């Protein structure tokens, strides 16, 4: 069973595609981490 699911995510920044039709499916009980440099919007 999925705890979190997002489908068909697309995102562009300054007219450059960053994500194109991405699907994210996190299963219940999974451990997930989001990594990136300071000041890049990981918590927003």
N, C-alpha and C. Protein backbone atom coordinates (compact mmCIF):
# COMPACT_ATOMS: atom_id res chain seq x y z
N UNK A 1 0.84 -1.18 0.00
CA UNK A 1 0.00 0.00 0.00
C UNK A 1 0.89 1.25 0.00
N UNK A 2 0.48 2.27 -0.73
CA UNK A 2 1.25 3.51 -0.81
C UNK A 2 0.91 4.44 0.34
N UNK A 3 1.95 5.01 0.94
CA UNK A 3 1.79 6.04 1.97
C UNK A 3 1.62 7.40 1.28
N UNK A 4 2.40 7.60 0.21
CA UNK A 4 2.36 8.86 -0.54
C UNK A 4 2.53 8.54 -2.01
N UNK A 5 1.72 9.15 -2.85
CA UNK A 5 1.81 8.93 -4.29
C UNK A 5 1.58 10.24 -5.02
N UNK A 6 2.42 10.55 -5.98
CA UNK A 6 2.27 11.73 -6.83
C UNK A 6 2.51 11.27 -8.26
N UNK A 7 1.63 11.66 -9.17
CA UNK A 7 1.71 11.18 -10.54
C UNK A 7 1.78 12.33 -11.53
N UNK A 8 2.51 12.11 -12.59
CA UNK A 8 2.62 13.04 -13.73
C UNK A 8 3.10 14.42 -13.29
N UNK A 9 4.18 14.47 -12.52
CA UNK A 9 4.75 15.74 -12.07
C UNK A 9 5.67 16.29 -13.16
N UNK A 10 5.42 17.54 -13.54
CA UNK A 10 6.29 18.24 -14.48
C UNK A 10 6.62 19.60 -13.90
N UNK A 11 7.85 20.06 -14.10
CA UNK A 11 8.28 21.34 -13.55
C UNK A 11 9.37 21.93 -14.43
N UNK A 12 9.26 23.22 -14.71
CA UNK A 12 10.29 23.94 -15.48
C UNK A 12 10.77 25.13 -14.67
N UNK A 13 12.02 25.50 -14.87
CA UNK A 13 12.61 26.67 -14.21
C UNK A 13 13.37 27.45 -15.26
N UNK A 14 13.03 28.72 -15.41
CA UNK A 14 13.64 29.58 -16.44
C UNK A 14 13.53 28.94 -17.82
N UNK A 15 12.34 28.44 -18.13
CA UNK A 15 12.05 27.79 -19.42
C UNK A 15 12.87 26.54 -19.68
N UNK A 16 13.45 25.95 -18.65
CA UNK A 16 14.21 24.70 -18.80
C UNK A 16 13.48 23.61 -18.04
N UNK A 17 13.13 22.50 -18.71
CA UNK A 17 12.45 21.42 -18.00
C UNK A 17 13.34 20.77 -16.96
N UNK A 18 12.83 20.66 -15.74
CA UNK A 18 13.55 20.02 -14.64
C UNK A 18 12.98 18.62 -14.41
N UNK A 19 11.66 18.51 -14.35
CA UNK A 19 10.97 17.23 -14.22
C UNK A 19 9.98 17.11 -15.36
N UNK A 20 9.87 15.93 -15.95
CA UNK A 20 8.94 15.72 -17.04
C UNK A 20 8.17 14.42 -16.83
N UNK A 21 6.91 14.54 -16.41
CA UNK A 21 6.02 13.40 -16.23
C UNK A 21 6.58 12.36 -15.25
N UNK A 22 7.03 12.81 -14.09
CA UNK A 22 7.62 11.94 -13.06
C UNK A 22 6.52 11.40 -12.15
N UNK A 23 6.63 10.15 -11.77
CA UNK A 23 5.72 9.54 -10.81
C UNK A 23 6.52 9.12 -9.58
N UNK A 24 6.02 9.46 -8.40
CA UNK A 24 6.66 9.12 -7.14
C UNK A 24 5.68 8.30 -6.31
N UNK A 25 6.13 7.14 -5.86
CA UNK A 25 5.28 6.25 -5.07
C UNK A 25 6.10 5.77 -3.88
N UNK A 26 5.76 6.22 -2.67
CA UNK A 26 6.48 5.84 -1.46
C UNK A 26 5.61 4.85 -0.69
N UNK A 27 6.16 3.69 -0.45
CA UNK A 27 5.42 2.63 0.24
C UNK A 27 5.41 2.89 1.75
N UNK A 28 4.36 2.43 2.40
CA UNK A 28 4.24 2.55 3.85
C UNK A 28 5.41 1.83 4.52
N UNK A 29 6.04 2.49 5.51
CA UNK A 29 7.18 1.92 6.22
C UNK A 29 8.53 2.24 5.60
N UNK A 30 8.54 2.92 4.44
CA UNK A 30 9.79 3.29 3.78
C UNK A 30 10.49 4.41 4.54
N UNK A 31 11.80 4.45 4.44
CA UNK A 31 12.59 5.57 4.95
C UNK A 31 13.09 6.35 3.75
N UNK A 32 12.76 7.65 3.71
CA UNK A 32 13.07 8.49 2.55
C UNK A 32 13.86 9.69 3.01
N UNK A 33 14.82 10.11 2.20
CA UNK A 33 15.63 11.29 2.51
C UNK A 33 15.73 12.17 1.28
N UNK A 34 15.68 13.48 1.49
CA UNK A 34 15.85 14.44 0.41
C UNK A 34 17.15 15.18 0.65
N UNK A 35 18.09 15.05 -0.27
CA UNK A 35 19.42 15.63 -0.11
C UNK A 35 19.63 16.77 -1.09
N UNK A 36 20.41 17.76 -0.68
CA UNK A 36 20.76 18.87 -1.55
C UNK A 36 21.50 19.94 -0.78
N UNK A 37 22.11 20.87 -1.52
CA UNK A 37 22.87 21.95 -0.88
C UNK A 37 21.96 22.88 -0.06
N UNK A 38 22.56 23.61 0.88
CA UNK A 38 21.84 24.60 1.68
C UNK A 38 21.21 25.64 0.76
N UNK A 39 20.01 26.08 1.12
CA UNK A 39 19.36 27.17 0.40
C UNK A 39 18.71 26.77 -0.91
N UNK A 40 18.47 25.49 -1.14
CA UNK A 40 17.89 25.07 -2.42
C UNK A 40 16.41 24.70 -2.33
N UNK A 41 15.75 24.96 -1.20
CA UNK A 41 14.31 24.78 -1.09
C UNK A 41 13.85 23.37 -0.75
N UNK A 42 14.65 22.60 -0.08
CA UNK A 42 14.26 21.23 0.27
C UNK A 42 13.08 21.19 1.22
N UNK A 43 12.93 22.19 2.07
CA UNK A 43 11.86 22.15 3.07
C UNK A 43 10.62 22.94 2.64
N UNK A 44 10.61 23.48 1.45
CA UNK A 44 9.45 24.26 0.99
C UNK A 44 8.60 23.50 0.01
